Amino acid sequence: MDHSLYLAMTGATQVMRAQDVVSHNLANASTTGFKSEMDAFRSLPVLGPGSPTRINAVAQGIGRDDRQGVMQHTGRPLDVAVRGPGWIAVQAPDGSEAYTRAGDLQLTADGMLTDGAGNPVIGNGGPVTIPDSAQIVIGNDGTISTVPLGQGPNTLTQIDRIKLVDPDPATLSKGTDSLMHLAGGAAADADPAVQLAPQMLEGSNVNPSTELVQMIALSRQYEMQVRSIKTAEDNADASMKLLQAN
């Protein structure tokens, strides 16, 4: 009886963990550059005394879906989307170098270029700073050019270049800051093959319909585990009544 309760409780717990991943994906279905997370149930042996044949189904993350999201034209000069593989280098809150696909860039009051979350974008010599300009142009290769205030278009001058990288996806992991990091806080080398699509944004690659179907399936699994717990409780009550009658 205790074994059945333990198995049902463990199953319900793991289903809830899987639901957390699905909920997180659904919550970011409209987040710029978001890559959906994937998980699966894996069979792991139960460690400790007892039969070595006991197995638990455990929900574990198996990575992320790196497929490109839908490209959306915005016409905004500071919006960029990475074409194909690659990442935009930014400075994480802890000062280390990190990577993002969210190209909804912003300018602070002092001219620093940041991503939508406020992380400074890294250029050739550190965080990119743009002086007051009449026009800002970001090229396909990440070059940033400006037209000074009061000048004509023929004075377009390159001031910096956004650092674009393309490390091995297996070496990247998502941090608590929602940015991608290399193991050990290392910095990737700039890759000239990575290209940007100016005045465009990459949408989330989450498929809401698929995630909703998965959420319904997990909810049914959770209900089944709860019913198993209730059945074990009813069996225990019936056994106690039999013992009392004897």
C-alpha atoms as a PDB file:
ATOM      1  CA  MET A   1       0.000   0.000   0.000  1.00  0.00           C
ATOM      2  CA  ASP A   2       2.777   2.426   0.914  1.00  0.00           C
ATOM      3  CA  HIS A   3       4.550   1.529  -2.325  1.00  0.00           C
ATOM      4  CA  SER A   4       1.503   2.469  -4.418  1.00  0.00           C
ATOM      5  CA  LEU A   5       1.165   5.789  -2.601  1.00  0.00           C
ATOM      6  CA  TYR A   6       4.836   6.546  -3.145  1.00  0.00           C
ATOM      7  CA  LEU A   7       4.674   5.731  -6.851  1.00  0.00           C
ATOM      8  CA  ALA A   8       1.551   7.827  -7.396  1.00  0.00           C
ATOM      9  CA  MET A   9       2.970  10.751  -5.408  1.00  0.00           C
ATOM     10  CA  THR A  10       6.238  10.615  -7.342  1.00  0.00           C
ATOM     11  CA  GLY A  11       4.383  10.471 -10.647  1.00  0.00           C
ATOM     12  CA  ALA A  12       2.230  13.484  -9.762  1.00  0.00           C
ATOM     13  CA  THR A  13       5.318  15.465  -8.724  1.00  0.00           C
ATOM     14  CA  GLN A  14       7.116  14.773 -12.002  1.00  0.00           C
ATOM     15  CA  VAL A  15       4.034  15.674 -14.049  1.00  0.00           C
ATOM     16  CA  MET A  16       3.891  19.015 -12.242  1.00  0.00           C
ATOM     17  CA  ARG A  17       7.538  19.642 -13.163  1.00  0.00           C
ATOM     18  CA  ALA A  18       6.736  18.904 -16.809  1.00  0.00           C
ATOM     19  CA  GLN A  19       3.782  21.282 -16.615  1.00  0.00           C
ATOM     20  CA  ASP A  20       6.107  24.030 -15.379  1.00  0.00           C
ATOM     21  CA  VAL A  21       8.145  23.752 -18.594  1.00  0.00           C
ATOM     22  CA  VAL A  22       5.030  23.887 -20.780  1.00  0.00           C
ATOM     23  CA  SER A  23       3.681  26.868 -18.815  1.00  0.00           C
ATOM     24  CA  HIS A  24       7.008  28.670 -19.228  1.00  0.00           C
ATOM     25  CA  ASN A  25       6.922  28.112 -22.990  1.00  0.00           C
ATOM     26  CA  LEU A  26       3.341  29.334 -23.270  1.00  0.00           C
ATOM     27  CA  ALA A  27       4.128  32.430 -21.209  1.00  0.00           C
ATOM     28  CA  ASN A  28       6.884  33.297 -23.715  1.00  0.00           C
ATOM     29  CA  ALA A  29       4.922  32.582 -26.897  1.00  0.00           C
ATOM     30  CA  SER A  30       5.164  36.276 -27.802  1.00  0.00           C
ATOM     31  CA  THR A  31       8.661  36.962 -26.414  1.00  0.00           C
ATOM     32  CA  THR A  32      11.128  38.206 -29.025  1.00  0.00           C
ATOM     33  CA  GLY A  33      13.779  35.618 -29.901  1.00  0.00           C
ATOM     34  CA  PHE A  34      12.606  33.086 -27.294  1.00  0.00           C
ATOM     35  CA  LYS A  35      13.592  29.439 -27.860  1.00  0.00           C
ATOM     36  CA  SER A  36      11.203  26.865 -26.426  1.00  0.00           C
ATOM     37  CA  GLU A  37      12.523  24.451 -23.820  1.00  0.00           C
ATOM     38  CA  MET A  38      12.066  20.716 -24.186  1.00  0.00           C
ATOM     39  CA  ASP A  39      11.747  18.003 -21.576  1.00  0.00           C
ATOM     40  CA  ALA A  40      10.878  14.310 -21.480  1.00  0.00           C
ATOM     41  CA  PHE A  41      10.180  11.555 -18.979  1.00  0.00           C
ATOM     42  CA  ARG A  42      13.186   9.300 -18.405  1.00  0.00           C
ATOM     43  CA  SER A  43      13.398   6.040 -16.515  1.00  0.00           C
ATOM     44  CA  LEU A  44      15.876   6.255 -13.619  1.00  0.00           C
ATOM     45  CA  PRO A  45      16.609   3.526 -11.069  1.00  0.00           C
ATOM     46  CA  VAL A  46      15.592   4.113  -7.461  1.00  0.00           C
ATOM     47  CA  LEU A  47      18.738   4.224  -5.333  1.00  0.00           C
ATOM     48  CA  GLY A  48      18.827   2.741  -1.851  1.00  0.00           C
ATOM     49  CA  PRO A  49      17.896  -0.525  -0.142  1.00  0.00           C
ATOM     50  CA  GLY A  50      15.414  -2.804  -1.832  1.00  0.00           C
ATOM     51  CA  SER A  51      15.023  -4.423  -5.207  1.00  0.00           C
ATOM     52  CA  PRO A  52      17.343  -2.913  -7.867  1.00  0.00           C
ATOM     53  CA  THR A  53      14.567  -3.351 -10.427  1.00  0.00           C
ATOM     54  CA  ARG A  54      12.546  -0.402  -9.076  1.00  0.00           C
ATOM     55  CA  ILE A  55      12.360   2.407 -11.650  1.00  0.00           C
ATOM     56  CA  ASN A  56      10.956   5.933 -11.466  1.00  0.00           C
ATOM     57  CA  ALA A  57       9.830   8.068 -14.387  1.00  0.00           C
ATOM     58  CA  VAL A  58      11.527  11.465 -13.941  1.00  0.00           C
ATOM     59  CA  ALA A  59      10.824  14.637 -15.936  1.00  0.00           C
ATOM     60  CA  GLN A  60      14.141  16.063 -17.140  1.00  0.00           C
ATOM     61  CA  GLY A  61      15.068  18.867 -19.502  1.00  0.00           C
ATOM     62  CA  ILE A  62      16.609  17.643 -22.743  1.00  0.00           C
ATOM     63  CA  GLY A  63      17.613  20.996 -24.195  1.00  0.00           C
ATOM     64  CA  ARG A  64      15.986  23.722 -26.232  1.00  0.00           C
ATOM     65  CA  ASP A  65      14.498  24.052 -29.685  1.00  0.00           C
ATOM     66  CA  ASP A  66      16.942  26.220 -31.669  1.00  0.00           C
ATOM     67  CA  ARG A  67      14.770  26.489 -34.777  1.00  0.00           C
ATOM     68  CA  GLN A  68      14.354  30.055 -35.997  1.00  0.00           C
ATOM     69  CA  GLY A  69      11.150  31.866 -35.139  1.00  0.00           C
ATOM     70  CA  VAL A  70       8.997  33.817 -37.568  1.00  0.00           C
ATOM     71  CA  MET A  71      10.708  36.938 -38.953  1.00  0.00           C
ATOM     72  CA  GLN A  72       8.613  40.084 -38.580  1.00  0.00           C
ATOM     73  CA  HIS A  73       9.329  43.362 -40.375  1.00  0.00           C
ATOM     74  CA  THR A  74       9.020  46.355 -38.040  1.00  0.00           C
ATOM     75  CA  GLY A  75      10.678  49.207 -39.948  1.00  0.00           C
ATOM     76  CA  ARG A  76      12.336  50.353 -36.703  1.00  0.00           C
ATOM     77  CA  PRO A  77      16.038  51.271 -37.217  1.00  0.00           C
ATOM     78  CA  LEU A  78      17.200  49.641 -33.965  1.00  0.00           C
ATOM     79  CA  ASP A  79      15.406  46.324 -34.530  1.00  0.00           C
ATOM     80  CA  VAL A  80      17.554  43.471 -35.839  1.00  0.00           C
ATOM     81  CA  ALA A  81      17.050  39.725 -36.241  1.00  0.00           C
ATOM     82  CA  VAL A  82      19.765  37.096 -36.562  1.00  0.00           C
ATOM     83  CA  ARG A  83      19.489  35.216 -39.855  1.00  0.00           C
ATOM     84  CA  GLY A  84      20.010  31.504 -39.291  1.00  0.00           C
ATOM     85  CA  PRO A  85      22.436  30.310 -36.600  1.00  0.00           C
ATOM     86  CA  GLY A  86      24.129  32.858 -34.374  1.00  0.00           C
ATOM     87  CA  TRP A  87      23.729  35.109 -31.352  1.00  0.00           C
ATOM     88  CA  ILE A  88      24.101  38.758 -30.351  1.00  0.00           C
ATOM     89  CA  ALA A  89      26.693  39.317 -27.618  1.00  0.00           C
ATOM     90  CA  VAL A  90      25.572  41.329 -24.589  1.00  0.00           C
ATOM     91  CA  GLN A  91      26.913  42.076 -21.135  1.00  0.00           C
ATOM     92  CA  ALA A  92      25.072  40.078 -18.481  1.00  0.00           C
ATOM     93  CA  PRO A  93      24.077  41.662 -15.140  1.00  0.00           C
ATOM     94  CA  ASP A  94      27.085  39.972 -13.484  1.00  0.00           C
ATOM     95  CA  GLY A  95      29.456  41.597 -15.999  1.00  0.00           C
ATOM     96  CA  SER A  96      30.188  38.443 -18.003  1.00  0.00           C
ATOM     97  CA  GLU A  97      29.562  38.034 -21.715  1.00  0.00           C
ATOM     98  CA  ALA A  98      26.275  36.395 -22.633  1.00  0.00           C
ATOM     99  CA  TYR A  99      24.204  35.859 -25.772  1.00  0.00           C
ATOM    100  CA  THR A 100      20.681  36.560 -26.945  1.00  0.00           C
ATOM    101  CA  ARG A 101      18.523  36.345 -30.057  1.00  0.00           C
ATOM    102  CA  ALA A 102      16.279  39.206 -28.938  1.00  0.00           C
ATOM    103  CA  GLY A 103      17.121  42.068 -31.290  1.00  0.00           C
ATOM    104  CA  ASP A 104      14.696  44.705 -29.980  1.00  0.00           C
ATOM    105  CA  LEU A 105      17.563  47.066 -29.211  1.00  0.00           C
ATOM    106  CA  GLN A 106      17.174  50.288 -27.226  1.00  0.00           C
ATOM    107  CA  LEU A 107      19.169  53.438 -26.529  1.00  0.00           C
ATOM    108  CA  THR A 108      19.577  54.690 -22.971  1.00  0.00           C
ATOM    109  CA  ALA A 109      19.611  58.371 -22.068  1.00  0.00           C
ATOM    110  CA  ASP A 110      23.419  58.402 -22.178  1.00  0.00           C
ATOM    111  CA  GLY A 111      23.558  56.704 -25.589  1.00  0.00           C
ATOM    112  CA  MET A 112      24.339  53.119 -24.549  1.00  0.00           C
ATOM    113  CA  LEU A 113      22.894  50.450 -26.842  1.00  0.00           C
ATOM    114  CA  THR A 114      21.072  47.705 -24.919  1.00  0.00           C
ATOM    115  CA  ASP A 115      18.801  44.794 -25.629  1.00  0.00           C
ATOM    116  CA  GLY A 116      15.136  44.902 -24.632  1.00  0.00           C
ATOM    117  CA  ALA A 117      15.994  43.739 -21.103  1.00  0.00           C
ATOM    118  CA  GLY A 118      18.546  46.516 -20.575  1.00  0.00           C
ATOM    119  CA  ASN A 119      21.717  44.450 -21.060  1.00  0.00           C
ATOM    120  CA  PRO A 120      24.448  46.448 -22.877  1.00  0.00           C
ATOM    121  CA  VAL A 121      25.210  45.237 -26.402  1.00  0.00           C
ATOM    122  CA  ILE A 122      28.897  44.394 -26.924  1.00  0.00           C
ATOM    123  CA  GLY A 123      30.848  45.840 -29.841  1.00  0.00           C
ATOM    124  CA  ASN A 124      34.485  45.793 -30.920  1.00  0.00           C
ATOM    125  CA  GLY A 125      35.773  47.296 -27.686  1.00  0.00           C
ATOM    126  CA  GLY A 126      33.092  46.604 -25.127  1.00  0.00           C
ATOM    127  CA  PRO A 127      29.588  48.018 -24.671  1.00  0.00           C
ATOM    128  CA  VAL A 128      28.382  50.045 -27.655  1.00  0.00           C
ATOM    129  CA  THR A 129      27.774  53.762 -27.134  1.00  0.00           C
ATOM    130  CA  ILE A 130      26.128  55.850 -29.844  1.00  0.00           C
ATOM    131  CA  PRO A 131      26.415  59.667 -29.863  1.00  0.00           C
ATOM    132  CA  ASP A 132      23.417  61.886 -30.562  1.00  0.00           C
ATOM    133  CA  SER A 133      22.624  61.292 -34.218  1.00  0.00           C
ATOM    134  CA  ALA A 134      20.145  62.285 -36.870  1.00  0.00           C
ATOM    135  CA  GLN A 135      20.086  58.726 -38.202  1.00  0.00           C
ATOM    136  CA  ILE A 136      21.277  55.297 -37.079  1.00  0.00           C
ATOM    137  CA  VAL A 137      21.847  52.463 -39.541  1.00  0.00           C
ATOM    138  CA  ILE A 138      22.673  48.872 -38.579  1.00  0.00           C
ATOM    139  CA  GLY A 139      24.085  46.795 -41.435  1.00  0.00           C
ATOM    140  CA  ASN A 140      23.715  43.099 -42.229  1.00  0.00           C
ATOM    141  CA  ASP A 141      27.117  42.385 -40.687  1.00  0.00           C
ATOM    142  CA  GLY A 142      26.321  44.259 -37.464  1.00  0.00           C
ATOM    143  CA  THR A 143      28.122  47.494 -38.349  1.00  0.00           C
ATOM    144  CA  ILE A 144      26.595  50.578 -36.751  1.00  0.00           C
ATOM    145  CA  SER A 145      26.743  53.809 -38.731  1.00  0.00           C
ATOM    146  CA  THR A 146      25.337  57.217 -37.832  1.00  0.00           C
ATOM    147  CA  VAL A 147      24.633  60.588 -39.369  1.00  0.00           C
ATOM    148  CA  PRO A 148      25.649  63.374 -36.933  1.00  0.00           C
ATOM    149  CA  LEU A 149      23.040  65.907 -35.917  1.00  0.00           C
ATOM    150  CA  GLY A 150      22.705  68.695 -38.451  1.00  0.00           C
ATOM    151  CA  GLN A 151      24.561  66.753 -41.185  1.00  0.00           C
ATOM    152  CA  GLY A 152      23.376  65.225 -44.442  1.00  0.00           C
ATOM    153  CA  PRO A 153      23.146  61.534 -45.423  1.00  0.00           C
ATOM    154  CA  ASN A 154      26.536  61.740 -47.170  1.00  0.00           C
ATOM    155  CA  THR A 155      28.207  62.032 -43.736  1.00  0.00           C
ATOM    156  CA  LEU A 156      27.209  58.495 -42.699  1.00  0.00           C
ATOM    157  CA  THR A 157      30.075  57.205 -40.533  1.00  0.00           C
ATOM    158  CA  GLN A 158      30.709  53.766 -39.074  1.00  0.00           C
ATOM    159  CA  ILE A 159      31.206  53.970 -35.297  1.00  0.00           C
ATOM    160  CA  ASP A 160      31.177  50.344 -34.104  1.00  0.00           C
ATOM    161  CA  ARG A 161      30.125  46.802 -34.910  1.00  0.00           C
ATOM    162  CA  ILE A 162      27.875  44.519 -32.902  1.00  0.00           C
ATOM    163  CA  LYS A 163      29.651  41.348 -31.819  1.00  0.00           C
ATOM    164  CA  LEU A 164      27.965  38.365 -33.444  1.00  0.00           C
ATOM    165  CA  VAL A 165      28.935  34.825 -32.451  1.00  0.00           C
ATOM    166  CA  ASP A 166      28.049  31.270 -33.397  1.00  0.00           C
ATOM    167  CA  PRO A 167      29.480  28.835 -30.807  1.00  0.00           C
ATOM    168  CA  ASP A 168      28.650  25.150 -30.704  1.00  0.00           C
ATOM    169  CA  PRO A 169      25.028  24.991 -29.412  1.00  0.00           C
ATOM    170  CA  ALA A 170      26.005  22.136 -27.099  1.00  0.00           C
ATOM    171  CA  THR A 171      28.338  24.491 -25.195  1.00  0.00           C
ATOM    172  CA  LEU A 172      25.586  27.001 -24.422  1.00  0.00           C
ATOM    173  CA  SER A 173      23.273  26.880 -21.445  1.00  0.00           C
ATOM    174  CA  LYS A 174      20.580  29.264 -20.241  1.00  0.00           C
ATOM    175  CA  GLY A 175      21.319  31.169 -17.067  1.00  0.00           C
ATOM    176  CA  THR A 176      18.955  32.532 -14.446  1.00  0.00           C
ATOM    177  CA  ASP A 177      19.137  35.867 -16.294  1.00  0.00           C
ATOM    178  CA  SER A 178      17.424  34.221 -19.331  1.00  0.00           C
ATOM    179  CA  LEU A 179      20.610  34.731 -21.379  1.00  0.00           C
ATOM    180  CA  MET A 180      22.792  32.056 -22.942  1.00  0.00           C
ATOM    181  CA  HIS A 181      26.228  31.480 -21.415  1.00  0.00           C
ATOM    182  CA  LEU A 182      29.297  29.452 -22.294  1.00  0.00           C
ATOM    183  CA  ALA A 183      30.541  27.014 -19.683  1.00  0.00           C
ATOM    184  CA  GLY A 184      32.854  28.620 -17.162  1.00  0.00           C
ATOM    185  CA  GLY A 185      31.910  32.152 -18.194  1.00  0.00           C
ATOM    186  CA  ALA A 186      34.097  32.005 -21.322  1.00  0.00           C
ATOM    187  CA  ALA A 187      33.596  34.393 -24.250  1.00  0.00           C
ATOM    188  CA  ALA A 188      33.025  33.182 -27.803  1.00  0.00           C
ATOM    189  CA  ASP A 189      34.972  34.578 -30.745  1.00  0.00           C
ATOM    190  CA  ALA A 190      33.207  36.906 -33.166  1.00  0.00           C
ATOM    191  CA  ASP A 191      31.997  35.103 -36.289  1.00  0.00           C
ATOM    192  CA  PRO A 192      31.894  37.206 -39.484  1.00  0.00           C
ATOM    193  CA  ALA A 193      29.588  34.638 -41.108  1.00  0.00           C
ATOM    194  CA  VAL A 194      26.678  35.546 -38.803  1.00  0.00           C
ATOM    195  CA  GLN A 195      24.301  37.974 -40.510  1.00  0.00           C
ATOM    196  CA  LEU A 196      21.561  40.290 -39.274  1.00  0.00           C
ATOM    197  CA  ALA A 197      18.261  41.290 -40.846  1.00  0.00           C
ATOM    198  CA  PRO A 198      17.892  45.036 -40.141  1.00  0.00           C
ATOM    199  CA  GLN A 199      14.516  46.479 -39.167  1.00  0.00           C
ATOM    200  CA  MET A 200      13.168  43.009 -38.401  1.00  0.00           C
ATOM    201  CA  LEU A 201      12.536  40.946 -35.280  1.00  0.00           C
ATOM    202  CA  GLU A 202      12.566  37.205 -34.733  1.00  0.00           C
ATOM    203  CA  GLY A 203       9.479  36.007 -32.930  1.00  0.00           C
ATOM    204  CA  SER A 204       9.295  33.166 -30.433  1.00  0.00           C
ATOM    205  CA  ASN A 205       9.473  29.670 -31.935  1.00  0.00           C
ATOM    206  CA  VAL A 206       6.922  28.341 -29.441  1.00  0.00           C
ATOM    207  CA  ASN A 207       3.945  26.609 -31.089  1.00  0.00           C
ATOM    208  CA  PRO A 208       1.030  27.514 -28.776  1.00  0.00           C
ATOM    209  CA  SER A 209      -1.248  24.789 -30.184  1.00  0.00           C
ATOM    210  CA  THR A 210       1.313  22.061 -29.527  1.00  0.00           C
ATOM    211  CA  GLU A 211       1.998  23.358 -26.019  1.00  0.00           C
ATOM    212  CA  LEU A 212      -1.712  23.510 -25.172  1.00  0.00           C
ATOM    213  CA  VAL A 213      -2.218  19.909 -26.309  1.00  0.00           C
ATOM    214  CA  GLN A 214       0.759  18.904 -24.172  1.00  0.00           C
ATOM    215  CA  MET A 215      -0.681  20.784 -21.200  1.00  0.00           C
ATOM    216  CA  ILE A 216      -4.014  18.936 -21.541  1.00  0.00           C
ATOM    217  CA  ALA A 217      -2.229  15.568 -21.773  1.00  0.00           C
ATOM    218  CA  LEU A 218      -0.169  16.325 -18.655  1.00  0.00           C
ATOM    219  CA  SER A 219      -3.284  17.445 -16.769  1.00  0.00           C
ATOM    220  CA  ARG A 220      -4.931  14.102 -17.496  1.00  0.00           C
ATOM    221  CA  GLN A 221      -1.836  12.251 -16.318  1.00  0.00           C
ATOM    222  CA  TYR A 222      -1.855  14.282 -13.105  1.00  0.00           C
ATOM    223  CA  GLU A 223      -5.527  13.480 -12.491  1.00  0.00           C
ATOM    224  CA  MET A 224      -4.779   9.781 -12.997  1.00  0.00           C
ATOM    225  CA  GLN A 225      -2.025   9.922 -10.370  1.00  0.00           C
ATOM    226  CA  VAL A 226      -4.341  11.690  -7.920  1.00  0.00           C
ATOM    227  CA  ARG A 227      -6.979   9.013  -8.489  1.00  0.00           C
ATOM    228  CA  SER A 228      -4.350   6.371  -7.720  1.00  0.00           C
ATOM    229  CA  ILE A 229      -3.595   8.113  -4.423  1.00  0.00           C
ATOM    230  CA  LYS A 230      -7.313   8.201  -3.605  1.00  0.00           C
ATOM    231  CA  THR A 231      -7.674   4.508  -4.465  1.00  0.00           C
ATOM    232  CA  ALA A 232      -4.767   3.623  -2.173  1.00  0.00           C
ATOM    233  CA  GLU A 233      -6.398   5.639   0.599  1.00  0.00           C
ATOM    234  CA  ASP A 234      -9.727   3.863   0.100  1.00  0.00           C
ATOM    235  CA  ASN A 235      -7.990   0.480   0.157  1.00  0.00           C
ATOM    236  CA  ALA A 236      -6.241   1.396   3.397  1.00  0.00           C
ATOM    237  CA  ASP A 237      -9.567   2.416   4.995  1.00  0.00           C
ATOM    238  CA  ALA A 238     -11.186  -0.836   3.875  1.00  0.00           C
ATOM    239  CA  SER A 239      -8.287  -2.850   5.302  1.00  0.00           C
ATOM    240  CA  MET A 240      -8.577  -1.074   8.659  1.00  0.00           C
ATOM    241  CA  LYS A 241     -12.293  -1.870   8.840  1.00  0.00           C
ATOM    242  CA  LEU A 242     -11.594  -5.522   8.149  1.00  0.00           C
ATOM    243  CA  LEU A 243      -8.969  -5.622  10.892  1.00  0.00           C
ATOM    244  CA  GLN A 244     -11.363  -3.923  13.340  1.00  0.00           C
ATOM    245  CA  ALA A 245     -14.122  -6.389  12.489  1.00  0.00           C
ATOM    246  CA  ASN A 246     -11.806  -9.320  13.154  1.00  0.00           C
END
